[in-house]
């Protein structure tokens, strides 16, 4: 299997479109209802969903990640573009070579930048 995309449902997808356009530029694609960006080998799509109302009450339940070898530099780019910072870049205690930073969107969904994780032989199988 290959996880290749994320769909975010929203009561107000236009608000998310404004936010993510500031961060990632004009959507790569859009139709009459949904829009999205190709980001590396994966994609982010956003659109309305009838089961979603208001802001996310548990933003830590699902957190999506971007890998980058330069978390600090990418953090500054996103912050300058208007990203809402939840946590500035830090190194988790158990992995001193790794960096992570967390952001939130207007619906209170969390996303992170993180150092690339080493691929193990088990993950390749």
PDB file of N, CA and C in Angstrom:
ATOM      1  N   UNK A   1       0.834  -1.180   0.000  1.00  0.00           N
ATOM      2  CA  UNK A   1       0.000   0.000   0.000  1.00  0.00           C
ATOM      3  C   UNK A   1       0.879   1.245   0.000  1.00  0.00           C
ATOM      4  N   UNK A   2       0.301   2.352  -0.429  1.00  0.00           N
ATOM      5  CA  UNK A   2       1.015   3.617  -0.474  1.00  0.00           C
ATOM      6  C   UNK A   2       0.049   4.731  -0.073  1.00  0.00           C
ATOM      7  N   UNK A   3       0.263   5.319   1.087  1.00  0.00           N
ATOM      8  CA  UNK A   3      -0.540   6.469   1.507  1.00  0.00           C
ATOM      9  C   UNK A   3      -0.079   7.661   0.689  1.00  0.00           C
ATOM     10  N   UNK A   4      -0.995   8.265  -0.068  1.00  0.00           N
ATOM     11  CA  UNK A   4      -0.547   9.319  -0.971  1.00  0.00           C
ATOM     12  C   UNK A   4      -1.308  10.617  -0.842  1.00  0.00           C
ATOM     13  N   UNK A   5      -2.263  10.706   0.075  1.00  0.00           N
ATOM     14  CA  UNK A   5      -2.982  11.962   0.179  1.00  0.00           C
ATOM     15  C   UNK A   5      -3.769  12.087   1.464  1.00  0.00           C
ATOM     16  N   UNK A   6      -4.204  13.302   1.698  1.00  0.00           N
ATOM     17  CA  UNK A   6      -4.991  13.642   2.875  1.00  0.00           C
ATOM     18  C   UNK A   6      -6.139  14.523   2.418  1.00  0.00           C
ATOM     19  N   UNK A   7      -7.351  14.212   2.883  1.00  0.00           N
ATOM     20  CA  UNK A   7      -8.523  15.034   2.596  1.00  0.00           C
ATOM     21  C   UNK A   7      -8.984  15.642   3.909  1.00  0.00           C
ATOM     22  N   UNK A   8      -9.094  16.966   3.946  1.00  0.00           N
ATOM     23  CA  UNK A   8      -9.598  17.663   5.125  1.00  0.00           C
ATOM     24  C   UNK A   8     -10.991  18.177   4.802  1.00  0.00           C
ATOM     25  N   UNK A   9     -11.969  17.722   5.584  1.00  0.00           N
ATOM     26  CA  UNK A   9     -13.331  18.221   5.451  1.00  0.00           C
ATOM     27  C   UNK A   9     -13.502  19.439   6.337  1.00  0.00           C
ATOM     28  N   UNK A  10     -14.302  20.398   5.879  1.00  0.00           N
ATOM     29  CA  UNK A  10     -14.483  21.630   6.635  1.00  0.00           C
ATOM     30  C   UNK A  10     -15.871  22.205   6.408  1.00  0.00           C
ATOM     31  N   UNK A  11     -16.393  22.869   7.422  1.00  0.00           N
ATOM     32  CA  UNK A  11     -17.630  23.624   7.287  1.00  0.00           C
ATOM     33  C   UNK A  11     -17.379  24.896   6.481  1.00  0.00           C
ATOM     34  N   UNK A  12     -16.119  25.361   6.496  1.00  0.00           N
ATOM     35  CA  UNK A  12     -15.754  26.584   5.793  1.00  0.00           C
ATOM     36  C   UNK A  12     -14.462  26.354   4.988  1.00  0.00           C
ATOM     37  N   UNK A  13     -14.536  25.578   3.901  1.00  0.00           N
ATOM     38  CA  UNK A  13     -13.318  25.277   3.153  1.00  0.00           C
ATOM     39  C   UNK A  13     -12.658  26.502   2.529  1.00  0.00           C
ATOM     40  N   UNK A  14     -13.410  27.539   2.224  1.00  0.00           N
ATOM     41  CA  UNK A  14     -12.800  28.742   1.636  1.00  0.00           C
ATOM     42  C   UNK A  14     -11.816  29.406   2.592  1.00  0.00           C
ATOM     43  N   UNK A  15     -12.120  29.367   3.888  1.00  0.00           N
ATOM     44  CA  UNK A  15     -11.206  29.925   4.891  1.00  0.00           C
ATOM     45  C   UNK A  15      -9.894  29.131   4.888  1.00  0.00           C
ATOM     46  N   UNK A  16     -10.002  27.806   4.764  1.00  0.00           N
ATOM     47  CA  UNK A  16      -8.791  26.986   4.703  1.00  0.00           C
ATOM     48  C   UNK A  16      -8.038  27.222   3.399  1.00  0.00           C
ATOM     49  N   UNK A  17      -8.767  27.432   2.326  1.00  0.00           N
ATOM     50  CA  UNK A  17      -8.122  27.705   1.039  1.00  0.00           C
ATOM     51  C   UNK A  17      -7.271  28.965   1.135  1.00  0.00           C
ATOM     52  N   UNK A  18      -7.802  30.023   1.733  1.00  0.00           N
ATOM     53  CA  UNK A  18      -7.034  31.268   1.920  1.00  0.00           C
ATOM     54  C   UNK A  18      -5.758  31.006   2.717  1.00  0.00           C
ATOM     55  N   UNK A  19      -5.918  30.289   3.825  1.00  0.00           N
ATOM     56  CA  UNK A  19      -4.800  30.012   4.723  1.00  0.00           C
ATOM     57  C   UNK A  19      -3.706  29.211   4.014  1.00  0.00           C
ATOM     58  N   UNK A  20      -4.080  28.073   3.439  1.00  0.00           N
ATOM     59  CA  UNK A  20      -3.077  27.213   2.820  1.00  0.00           C
ATOM     60  C   UNK A  20      -2.504  27.822   1.541  1.00  0.00           C
ATOM     61  N   UNK A  21      -3.240  28.679   0.862  1.00  0.00           N
ATOM     62  CA  UNK A  21      -2.693  29.374  -0.305  1.00  0.00           C
ATOM     63  C   UNK A  21      -1.578  30.316   0.118  1.00  0.00           C
ATOM     64  N   UNK A  22      -1.718  30.964   1.277  1.00  0.00           N
ATOM     65  CA  UNK A  22      -0.627  31.808   1.789  1.00  0.00           C
ATOM     66  C   UNK A  22       0.623  30.968   2.049  1.00  0.00           C
ATOM     67  N   UNK A  23       0.426  29.725   2.502  1.00  0.00           N
ATOM     68  CA  UNK A  23       1.567  28.882   2.856  1.00  0.00           C
ATOM     69  C   UNK A  23       2.168  28.153   1.656  1.00  0.00           C
ATOM     70  N   UNK A  24       1.305  27.618   0.762  1.00  0.00           N
ATOM     71  CA  UNK A  24       1.773  26.728  -0.299  1.00  0.00           C
ATOM     72  C   UNK A  24       1.595  27.284  -1.705  1.00  0.00           C
ATOM     73  N   UNK A  25       1.033  28.475  -1.837  1.00  0.00           N
ATOM     74  CA  UNK A  25       0.768  29.032  -3.159  1.00  0.00           C
ATOM     75  C   UNK A  25      -0.587  28.596  -3.684  1.00  0.00           C
ATOM     76  N   UNK A  26      -0.866  28.986  -4.895  1.00  0.00           N
ATOM     77  CA  UNK A  26      -2.153  28.680  -5.532  1.00  0.00           C
ATOM     78  C   UNK A  26      -2.379  27.163  -5.570  1.00  0.00           C
ATOM     79  N   UNK A  27      -3.609  26.686  -5.302  1.00  0.00           N
ATOM     80  CA  UNK A  27      -3.863  25.244  -5.376  1.00  0.00           C
ATOM     81  C   UNK A  27      -3.416  24.661  -6.716  1.00  0.00           C
ATOM     82  N   UNK A  28      -2.886  23.464  -6.665  1.00  0.00           N
ATOM     83  CA  UNK A  28      -2.438  22.756  -7.851  1.00  0.00           C
ATOM     84  C   UNK A  28      -3.629  22.374  -8.729  1.00  0.00           C
ATOM     85  N   UNK A  29      -4.761  22.103  -8.098  1.00  0.00           N
ATOM     86  CA  UNK A  29      -5.973  21.737  -8.827  1.00  0.00           C
ATOM     87  C   UNK A  29      -7.192  22.173  -8.021  1.00  0.00           C
ATOM     88  N   UNK A  30      -8.284  22.398  -8.717  1.00  0.00           N
ATOM     89  CA  UNK A  30      -9.561  22.659  -8.056  1.00  0.00           C
ATOM     90  C   UNK A  30     -10.698  22.412  -9.031  1.00  0.00           C
ATOM     91  N   UNK A  31     -11.827  21.998  -8.458  1.00  0.00           N
ATOM     92  CA  UNK A  31     -13.039  21.860  -9.251  1.00  0.00           C
ATOM     93  C   UNK A  31     -14.107  22.731  -8.600  1.00  0.00           C
ATOM     94  N   UNK A  32     -15.352  22.458  -8.810  1.00  0.00           N
ATOM     95  CA  UNK A  32     -16.418  23.292  -8.254  1.00  0.00           C
ATOM     96  C   UNK A  32     -16.583  23.151  -6.750  1.00  0.00           C
ATOM     97  N   UNK A  33     -16.017  22.104  -6.156  1.00  0.00           N
ATOM     98  CA  UNK A  33     -16.225  21.841  -4.730  1.00  0.00           C
ATOM     99  C   UNK A  33     -14.916  21.684  -3.962  1.00  0.00           C
ATOM    100  N   UNK A  34     -13.979  20.931  -4.506  1.00  0.00           N
ATOM    101  CA  UNK A  34     -12.739  20.600  -3.811  1.00  0.00           C
ATOM    102  C   UNK A  34     -11.556  21.302  -4.479  1.00  0.00           C
ATOM    103  N   UNK A  35     -10.477  21.424  -3.731  1.00  0.00           N
ATOM    104  CA  UNK A  35      -9.238  22.001  -4.237  1.00  0.00           C
ATOM    105  C   UNK A  35      -8.101  21.341  -3.489  1.00  0.00           C
ATOM    106  N   UNK A  36      -6.892  21.459  -4.034  1.00  0.00           N
ATOM    107  CA  UNK A  36      -5.786  20.823  -3.348  1.00  0.00           C
ATOM    108  C   UNK A  36      -4.438  21.169  -3.930  1.00  0.00           C
ATOM    109  N   UNK A  37      -3.433  20.645  -3.260  1.00  0.00           N
ATOM    110  CA  UNK A  37      -2.036  20.880  -3.612  1.00  0.00           C
ATOM    111  C   UNK A  37      -1.319  19.552  -3.719  1.00  0.00           C
ATOM    112  N   UNK A  38      -0.453  19.442  -4.701  1.00  0.00           N
ATOM    113  CA  UNK A  38       0.498  18.342  -4.760  1.00  0.00           C
ATOM    114  C   UNK A  38       1.716  18.823  -3.986  1.00  0.00           C
ATOM    115  N   UNK A  39       2.082  18.120  -2.947  1.00  0.00           N
ATOM    116  CA  UNK A  39       3.180  18.521  -2.073  1.00  0.00           C
ATOM    117  C   UNK A  39       4.156  17.353  -1.975  1.00  0.00           C
ATOM    118  N   UNK A  40       5.200  17.411  -2.740  1.00  0.00           N
ATOM    119  CA  UNK A  40       6.110  16.266  -2.810  1.00  0.00           C
ATOM    120  C   UNK A  40       5.396  15.118  -3.498  1.00  0.00           C
ATOM    121  N   UNK A  41       5.467  13.925  -2.923  1.00  0.00           N
ATOM    122  CA  UNK A  41       4.820  12.763  -3.532  1.00  0.00           C
ATOM    123  C   UNK A  41       3.387  12.569  -3.046  1.00  0.00           C
ATOM    124  N   UNK A  42       2.923  13.409  -2.138  1.00  0.00           N
ATOM    125  CA  UNK A  42       1.563  13.301  -1.622  1.00  0.00           C
ATOM    126  C   UNK A  42       0.740  14.523  -1.965  1.00  0.00           C
ATOM    127  N   UNK A  43      -0.539  14.440  -1.640  1.00  0.00           N
ATOM    128  CA  UNK A  43      -1.415  15.565  -1.935  1.00  0.00           C
ATOM    129  C   UNK A  43      -2.279  15.910  -0.730  1.00  0.00           C
ATOM    130  N   UNK A  44      -2.687  17.164  -0.691  1.00  0.00           N
ATOM    131  CA  UNK A  44      -3.598  17.686   0.319  1.00  0.00           C
ATOM    132  C   UNK A  44      -4.822  18.185  -0.421  1.00  0.00           C
ATOM    133  N   UNK A  45      -6.000  17.667  -0.062  1.00  0.00           N
ATOM    134  CA  UNK A  45      -7.257  18.113  -0.656  1.00  0.00           C
ATOM    135  C   UNK A  45      -8.150  18.644   0.453  1.00  0.00           C
ATOM    136  N   UNK A  46      -8.948  19.654   0.139  1.00  0.00           N
ATOM    137  CA  UNK A  46      -9.857  20.271   1.107  1.00  0.00           C
ATOM    138  C   UNK A  46     -11.198  20.484   0.437  1.00  0.00           C
ATOM    139  N   UNK A  47     -12.241  20.269   1.200  1.00  0.00           N
ATOM    140  CA  UNK A  47     -13.581  20.507   0.688  1.00  0.00           C
ATOM    141  C   UNK A  47     -14.611  20.417   1.795  1.00  0.00           C
ATOM    142  N   UNK A  48     -15.864  20.677   1.460  1.00  0.00           N
ATOM    143  CA  UNK A  48     -16.923  20.621   2.463  1.00  0.00           C
ATOM    144  C   UNK A  48     -17.214  19.183   2.884  1.00  0.00           C
ATOM    145  N   UNK A  49     -17.705  19.033   4.111  1.00  0.00           N
ATOM    146  CA  UNK A  49     -18.127  17.726   4.590  1.00  0.00           C
ATOM    147  C   UNK A  49     -19.305  17.932   5.529  1.00  0.00           C
ATOM    148  N   UNK A  50     -20.391  17.215   5.285  1.00  0.00           N
ATOM    149  CA  UNK A  50     -21.620  17.429   6.061  1.00  0.00           C
ATOM    150  C   UNK A  50     -21.520  16.966   7.511  1.00  0.00           C
ATOM    151  N   UNK A  51     -20.482  16.201   7.874  1.00  0.00           N
ATOM    152  CA  UNK A  51     -20.322  15.744   9.248  1.00  0.00           C
ATOM    153  C   UNK A  51     -19.343  16.597  10.051  1.00  0.00           C
ATOM    154  N   UNK A  52     -18.854  17.674   9.450  1.00  0.00           N
ATOM    155  CA  UNK A  52     -17.876  18.535  10.113  1.00  0.00           C
ATOM    156  C   UNK A  52     -18.528  19.876  10.426  1.00  0.00           C
ATOM    157  N   UNK A  53     -18.495  20.257  11.698  1.00  0.00           N
ATOM    158  CA  UNK A  53     -19.038  21.540  12.143  1.00  0.00           C
ATOM    159  C   UNK A  53     -18.026  22.221  13.056  1.00  0.00           C
ATOM    160  N   UNK A  54     -17.766  23.476  12.792  1.00  0.00           N
ATOM    161  CA  UNK A  54     -16.894  24.265  13.665  1.00  0.00           C
ATOM    162  C   UNK A  54     -15.443  23.825  13.621  1.00  0.00           C
ATOM    163  N   UNK A  55     -14.735  24.214  14.678  1.00  0.00           N
ATOM    164  CA  UNK A  55     -13.305  23.911  14.780  1.00  0.00           C
ATOM    165  C   UNK A  55     -13.080  22.531  15.381  1.00  0.00           C
ATOM    166  N   UNK A  56     -11.928  21.951  15.063  1.00  0.00           N
ATOM    167  CA  UNK A  56     -11.513  20.657  15.578  1.00  0.00           C
ATOM    168  C   UNK A  56     -11.328  20.772  17.095  1.00  0.00           C
ATOM    169  N   UNK A  57     -12.059  19.966  17.851  1.00  0.00           N
ATOM    170  CA  UNK A  57     -11.973  20.007  19.319  1.00  0.00           C
ATOM    171  C   UNK A  57     -10.826  19.164  19.860  1.00  0.00           C
ATOM    172  N   UNK A  58     -10.261  18.281  19.027  1.00  0.00           N
ATOM    173  CA  UNK A  58      -9.149  17.426  19.435  1.00  0.00           C
ATOM    174  C   UNK A  58      -8.052  17.464  18.373  1.00  0.00           C
ATOM    175  N   UNK A  59      -7.363  18.592  18.250  1.00  0.00           N
ATOM    176  CA  UNK A  59      -6.398  18.745  17.152  1.00  0.00           C
ATOM    177  C   UNK A  59      -5.226  17.769  17.192  1.00  0.00           C
ATOM    178  N   UNK A  60      -4.934  17.195  18.333  1.00  0.00           N
ATOM    179  CA  UNK A  60      -3.836  16.244  18.424  1.00  0.00           C
ATOM    180  C   UNK A  60      -4.215  14.837  18.006  1.00  0.00           C
ATOM    181  N   UNK A  61      -5.486  14.585  17.727  1.00  0.00           N
ATOM    182  CA  UNK A  61      -5.918  13.237  17.359  1.00  0.00           C
ATOM    183  C   UNK A  61      -5.313  12.791  16.032  1.00  0.00           C
ATOM    184  N   UNK A  62      -5.320  13.644  15.034  1.00  0.00           N
ATOM    185  CA  UNK A  62      -4.696  13.360  13.737  1.00  0.00           C
ATOM    186  C   UNK A  62      -3.778  14.533  13.407  1.00  0.00           C
ATOM    187  N   UNK A  63      -2.512  14.248  13.230  1.00  0.00           N
ATOM    188  CA  UNK A  63      -1.525  15.275  12.873  1.00  0.00           C
ATOM    189  C   UNK A  63      -0.827  14.797  11.613  1.00  0.00           C
ATOM    190  N   UNK A  64      -0.831  15.626  10.593  1.00  0.00           N
ATOM    191  CA  UNK A  64      -0.143  15.245   9.358  1.00  0.00           C
ATOM    192  C   UNK A  64       1.195  15.940   9.298  1.00  0.00           C
ATOM    193  N   UNK A  65       2.155  15.280   8.640  1.00  0.00           N
ATOM    194  CA  UNK A  65       3.546  15.714   8.677  1.00  0.00           C
ATOM    195  C   UNK A  65       4.130  15.952   7.292  1.00  0.00           C
ATOM    196  N   UNK A  66       5.030  16.923   7.239  1.00  0.00           N
ATOM    197  CA  UNK A  66       5.893  17.157   6.089  1.00  0.00           C
ATOM    198  C   UNK A  66       7.305  16.836   6.532  1.00  0.00           C
ATOM    199  N   UNK A  67       8.023  16.062   5.751  1.00  0.00           N
ATOM    200  CA  UNK A  67       9.431  15.834   6.020  1.00  0.00           C
ATOM    201  C   UNK A  67      10.251  16.882   5.292  1.00  0.00           C
ATOM    202  N   UNK A  68      11.257  17.390   5.979  1.00  0.00           N
ATOM    203  CA  UNK A  68      12.193  18.328   5.374  1.00  0.00           C
ATOM    204  C   UNK A  68      13.536  18.203   6.095  1.00  0.00           C
ATOM    205  N   UNK A  69      14.641  18.246   5.355  1.00  0.00           N
ATOM    206  CA  UNK A  69      15.938  18.172   6.014  1.00  0.00           C
ATOM    207  C   UNK A  69      16.287  19.459   6.759  1.00  0.00           C
ATOM    208  N   UNK A  70      15.546  20.556   6.521  1.00  0.00           N
ATOM    209  CA  UNK A  70      15.839  21.833   7.163  1.00  0.00           C
ATOM    210  C   UNK A  70      14.578  22.391   7.840  1.00  0.00           C
ATOM    211  N   UNK A  71      14.213  21.796   8.951  1.00  0.00           N
ATOM    212  CA  UNK A  71      12.988  22.178   9.666  1.00  0.00           C
ATOM    213  C   UNK A  71      13.013  23.652  10.057  1.00  0.00           C
ATOM    214  N   UNK A  72      14.137  24.136  10.569  1.00  0.00           N
ATOM    215  CA  UNK A  72      14.193  25.530  11.033  1.00  0.00           C
ATOM    216  C   UNK A  72      13.940  26.528   9.905  1.00  0.00           C
ATOM    217  N   UNK A  73      14.553  26.304   8.753  1.00  0.00           N
ATOM    218  CA  UNK A  73      14.376  27.212   7.623  1.00  0.00           C
ATOM    219  C   UNK A  73      12.941  27.166   7.097  1.00  0.00           C
ATOM    220  N   UNK A  74      12.392  25.972   6.934  1.00  0.00           N
ATOM    221  CA  UNK A  74      11.008  25.832   6.460  1.00  0.00           C
ATOM    222  C   UNK A  74      10.024  26.403   7.477  1.00  0.00           C
ATOM    223  N   UNK A  75      10.330  26.256   8.755  1.00  0.00           N
ATOM    224  CA  UNK A  75       9.512  26.852   9.818  1.00  0.00           C
ATOM    225  C   UNK A  75       9.424  28.360   9.616  1.00  0.00           C
ATOM    226  N   UNK A  76      10.574  29.000   9.394  1.00  0.00           N
ATOM    227  CA  UNK A  76      10.597  30.452   9.212  1.00  0.00           C
ATOM    228  C   UNK A  76       9.789  30.876   7.987  1.00  0.00           C
ATOM    229  N   UNK A  77       9.900  30.118   6.893  1.00  0.00           N
ATOM    230  CA  UNK A  77       9.136  30.434   5.685  1.00  0.00           C
ATOM    231  C   UNK A  77       7.636  30.384   5.962  1.00  0.00           C
ATOM    232  N   UNK A  78       7.183  29.315   6.629  1.00  0.00           N
ATOM    233  CA  UNK A  78       5.751  29.176   6.909  1.00  0.00           C
ATOM    234  C   UNK A  78       5.274  30.224   7.917  1.00  0.00           C
ATOM    235  N   UNK A  79       6.069  30.463   8.935  1.00  0.00           N
ATOM    236  CA  UNK A  79       5.683  31.479   9.928  1.00  0.00           C
ATOM    237  C   UNK A  79       5.571  32.851   9.270  1.00  0.00           C
ATOM    238  N   UNK A  80       6.523  33.191   8.425  1.00  0.00           N
ATOM    239  CA  UNK A  80       6.507  34.467   7.718  1.00  0.00           C
ATOM    240  C   UNK A  80       5.288  34.575   6.801  1.00  0.00           C
ATOM    241  N   UNK A  81       4.859  33.438   6.229  1.00  0.00           N
ATOM    242  CA  UNK A  81       3.692  33.418   5.338  1.00  0.00           C
ATOM    243  C   UNK A  81       2.375  33.491   6.105  1.00  0.00           C
ATOM    244  N   UNK A  82       2.437  33.396   7.445  1.00  0.00           N
ATOM    245  CA  UNK A  82       1.226  33.526   8.247  1.00  0.00           C
ATOM    246  C   UNK A  82       0.746  32.264   8.926  1.00  0.00           C
ATOM    247  N   UNK A  83       1.581  31.221   8.955  1.00  0.00           N
ATOM    248  CA  UNK A  83       1.189  29.985   9.637  1.00  0.00           C
ATOM    249  C   UNK A  83       1.021  30.242  11.136  1.00  0.00           C
ATOM    250  N   UNK A  84       0.048  29.589  11.731  1.00  0.00           N
ATOM    251  CA  UNK A  84      -0.193  29.697  13.173  1.00  0.00           C
ATOM    252  C   UNK A  84       0.691  28.677  13.887  1.00  0.00           C
ATOM    253  N   UNK A  85       1.618  29.169  14.682  1.00  0.00           N
ATOM    254  CA  UNK A  85       2.592  28.312  15.367  1.00  0.00           C
ATOM    255  C   UNK A  85       1.986  27.771  16.659  1.00  0.00           C
ATOM    256  N   UNK A  86       2.020  26.454  16.800  1.00  0.00           N
ATOM    257  CA  UNK A  86       1.615  25.801  18.044  1.00  0.00           C
ATOM    258  C   UNK A  86       2.856  25.529  18.892  1.00  0.00           C
ATOM    259  N   UNK A  87       3.912  25.058  18.236  1.00  0.00           N
ATOM    260  CA  UNK A  87       5.171  24.796  18.940  1.00  0.00           C
ATOM    261  C   UNK A  87       6.332  25.059  17.995  1.00  0.00           C
ATOM    262  N   UNK A  88       7.267  25.876  18.444  1.00  0.00           N
ATOM    263  CA  UNK A  88       8.461  26.199  17.660  1.00  0.00           C
ATOM    264  C   UNK A  88       9.340  24.960  17.537  1.00  0.00           C
ATOM    265  N   UNK A  89      10.301  24.965  16.610  1.00  0.00           N
ATOM    266  CA  UNK A  89      11.142  23.780  16.413  1.00  0.00           C
ATOM    267  C   UNK A  89      11.805  23.317  17.712  1.00  0.00           C
ATOM    268  N   UNK A  90      11.754  22.006  17.902  1.00  0.00           N
ATOM    269  CA  UNK A  90      12.356  21.396  19.091  1.00  0.00           C
ATOM    270  C   UNK A  90      12.887  20.021  18.714  1.00  0.00           C
ATOM    271  N   UNK A  91      13.733  19.512  19.580  1.00  0.00           N
ATOM    272  CA  UNK A  91      14.269  18.161  19.413  1.00  0.00           C
ATOM    273  C   UNK A  91      13.635  17.269  20.473  1.00  0.00           C
ATOM    274  N   UNK A  92      12.958  16.207  20.039  1.00  0.00           N
ATOM    275  CA  UNK A  92      12.419  15.281  21.042  1.00  0.00           C
ATOM    276  C   UNK A  92      13.563  14.610  21.797  1.00  0.00           C
ATOM    277  N   UNK A  93      13.362  14.364  23.064  1.00  0.00           N
ATOM    278  CA  UNK A  93      14.414  13.795  23.912  1.00  0.00           C
ATOM    279  C   UNK A  93      15.019  12.520  23.356  1.00  0.00           C
ATOM    280  N   UNK A  94      14.173  11.651  22.799  1.00  0.00           N
ATOM    281  CA  UNK A  94      14.659  10.346  22.373  1.00  0.00           C
ATOM    282  C   UNK A  94      15.393  10.369  21.029  1.00  0.00           C
ATOM    283  N   UNK A  95      15.338  11.465  20.308  1.00  0.00           N
ATOM    284  CA  UNK A  95      15.977  11.528  18.982  1.00  0.00           C
ATOM    285  C   UNK A  95      16.628  12.892  18.798  1.00  0.00           C
ATOM    286  N   UNK A  96      17.831  13.059  19.318  1.00  0.00           N
ATOM    287  CA  UNK A  96      18.487  14.361  19.297  1.00  0.00           C
ATOM    288  C   UNK A  96      18.856  14.854  17.902  1.00  0.00           C
ATOM    289  N   UNK A  97      18.896  13.974  16.907  1.00  0.00           N
ATOM    290  CA  UNK A  97      19.199  14.426  15.553  1.00  0.00           C
ATOM    291  C   UNK A  97      17.952  14.890  14.814  1.00  0.00           C
ATOM    292  N   UNK A  98      16.788  14.720  15.414  1.00  0.00           N
ATOM    293  CA  UNK A  98      15.524  15.053  14.758  1.00  0.00           C
ATOM    294  C   UNK A  98      14.969  16.386  15.257  1.00  0.00           C
ATOM    295  N   UNK A  99      14.310  17.114  14.324  1.00  0.00           N
ATOM    296  CA  UNK A  99      13.617  18.354  14.664  1.00  0.00           C
ATOM    297  C   UNK A  99      12.143  18.214  14.305  1.00  0.00           C
ATOM    298  N   UNK A 100      11.281  18.829  15.103  1.00  0.00           N
ATOM    299  CA  UNK A 100       9.839  18.845  14.857  1.00  0.00           C
ATOM    300  C   UNK A 100       9.312  20.231  15.203  1.00  0.00           C
ATOM    301  N   UNK A 101       8.328  20.711  14.456  1.00  0.00           N
ATOM    302  CA  UNK A 101       7.609  21.933  14.783  1.00  0.00           C
ATOM    303  C   UNK A 101       6.144  21.725  14.423  1.00  0.00           C
ATOM    304  N   UNK A 102       5.237  22.356  15.151  1.00  0.00           N
ATOM    305  CA  UNK A 102       3.808  22.131  14.953  1.00  0.00           C
ATOM    306  C   UNK A 102       3.086  23.435  14.653  1.00  0.00           C
ATOM    307  N   UNK A 103       2.151  23.364  13.696  1.00  0.00           N
ATOM    308  CA  UNK A 103       1.306  24.484  13.291  1.00  0.00           C
ATOM    309  C   UNK A 103      -0.162  24.078  13.402  1.00  0.00           C
ATOM    310  N   UNK A 104      -1.040  25.068  13.342  1.00  0.00           N
ATOM    311  CA  UNK A 104      -2.479  24.836  13.351  1.00  0.00           C
ATOM    312  C   UNK A 104      -3.115  25.660  12.246  1.00  0.00           C
ATOM    313  N   UNK A 105      -4.173  25.112  11.620  1.00  0.00           N
ATOM    314  CA  UNK A 105      -4.900  25.879  10.605  1.00  0.00           C
ATOM    315  C   UNK A 105      -6.144  26.522  11.236  1.00  0.00           C
ATOM    316  N   UNK A 106      -6.913  27.309  10.500  1.00  0.00           N
ATOM    317  CA  UNK A 106      -8.075  27.996  11.077  1.00  0.00           C
ATOM    318  C   UNK A 106      -9.164  27.066  11.629  1.00  0.00           C
ATOM    319  N   UNK A 107      -9.194  25.801  11.187  1.00  0.00           N
ATOM    320  CA  UNK A 107     -10.141  24.830  11.753  1.00  0.00           C
ATOM    321  C   UNK A 107      -9.545  24.090  12.942  1.00  0.00           C
ATOM    322  N   UNK A 108      -8.343  24.466  13.358  1.00  0.00           N
ATOM    323  CA  UNK A 108      -7.631  23.870  14.484  1.00  0.00           C
ATOM    324  C   UNK A 108      -7.137  22.457  14.179  1.00  0.00           C
ATOM    325  N   UNK A 109      -6.770  22.200  12.927  1.00  0.00           N
ATOM    326  CA  UNK A 109      -6.116  20.947  12.545  1.00  0.00           C
ATOM    327  C   UNK A 109      -4.616  21.161  12.654  1.00  0.00           C
ATOM    328  N   UNK A 110      -3.923  20.210  13.261  1.00  0.00           N
ATOM    329  CA  UNK A 110      -2.478  20.327  13.424  1.00  0.00           C
ATOM    330  C   UNK A 110      -1.738  19.695  12.252  1.00  0.00           C
ATOM    331  N   UNK A 111      -0.622  20.330  11.872  1.00  0.00           N
ATOM    332  CA  UNK A 111       0.324  19.728  10.945  1.00  0.00           C
ATOM    333  C   UNK A 111       1.719  20.088  11.407  1.00  0.00           C
ATOM    334  N   UNK A 112       2.687  19.257  11.010  1.00  0.00           N
ATOM    335  CA  UNK A 112       4.047  19.420  11.497  1.00  0.00           C
ATOM    336  C   UNK A 112       5.059  19.374  10.364  1.00  0.00           C
ATOM    337  N   UNK A 113       6.190  20.009  10.630  1.00  0.00           N
ATOM    338  CA  UNK A 113       7.401  19.799   9.848  1.00  0.00           C
ATOM    339  C   UNK A 113       8.284  18.919  10.712  1.00  0.00           C
ATOM    340  N   UNK A 114       8.929  17.952  10.088  1.00  0.00           N
ATOM    341  CA  UNK A 114       9.819  17.090  10.853  1.00  0.00           C
ATOM    342  C   UNK A 114      10.988  16.635   9.999  1.00  0.00           C
ATOM    343  N   UNK A 115      12.097  16.343  10.660  1.00  0.00           N
ATOM    344  CA  UNK A 115      13.258  15.798   9.972  1.00  0.00           C
ATOM    345  C   UNK A 115      12.875  14.458   9.366  1.00  0.00           C
ATOM    346  N   UNK A 116      13.496  14.099   8.224  1.00  0.00           N
ATOM    347  CA  UNK A 116      13.202  12.787   7.633  1.00  0.00           C
ATOM    348  C   UNK A 116      13.519  11.659   8.613  1.00  0.00           C
ATOM    349  N   UNK A 117      12.651  10.679   8.613  1.00  0.00           N
ATOM    350  CA  UNK A 117      12.856   9.512   9.468  1.00  0.00           C
ATOM    351  C   UNK A 117      13.596   8.463   8.654  1.00  0.00           C
ATOM    352  N   UNK A 118      14.558   7.785   9.266  1.00  0.00           N
ATOM    353  CA  UNK A 118      15.278   6.736   8.533  1.00  0.00           C
ATOM    354  C   UNK A 118      14.311   5.612   8.160  1.00  0.00           C
ATOM    355  N   UNK A 119      14.454   5.095   6.946  1.00  0.00           N
ATOM    356  CA  UNK A 119      13.619   3.985   6.493  1.00  0.00           C
ATOM    357  C   UNK A 119      14.301   2.690   6.890  1.00  0.00           C
ATOM    358  N   UNK A 120      13.574   1.851   7.640  1.00  0.00           N
ATOM    359  CA  UNK A 120      14.118   0.570   8.079  1.00  0.00           C
ATOM    360  C   UNK A 120      13.808  -0.500   7.042  1.00  0.00           C
ATOM    361  N   UNK A 121      14.492  -1.625   7.138  1.00  0.00           N
ATOM    362  CA  UNK A 121      14.243  -2.737   6.228  1.00  0.00           C
ATOM    363  C   UNK A 121      12.801  -3.233   6.381  1.00  0.00           C
ATOM    364  N   UNK A 122      12.266  -3.211   7.594  1.00  0.00           N
ATOM    365  CA  UNK A 122      10.898  -3.655   7.828  1.00  0.00           C
ATOM    366  C   UNK A 122       9.907  -2.747   7.112  1.00  0.00           C
ATOM    367  N   UNK A 123      10.181  -1.448   7.064  1.00  0.00           N
ATOM    368  CA  UNK A 123       9.275  -0.495   6.412  1.00  0.00           C
ATOM    369  C   UNK A 123       9.264  -0.680   4.905  1.00  0.00           C
ATOM    370  N   UNK A 124      10.390  -1.139   4.351  1.00  0.00           N
ATOM    371  CA  UNK A 124      10.467  -1.343   2.900  1.00  0.00           C
ATOM    372  C   UNK A 124       9.733  -2.593   2.459  1.00  0.00           C
ATOM    373  N   UNK A 125       9.574  -3.550   3.363  1.00  0.00           N
ATOM    374  CA  UNK A 125       8.960  -4.844   3.011  1.00  0.00           C
ATOM    375  C   UNK A 125       7.488  -4.746   2.731  1.00  0.00           C
TER     376      UNK A 125
END
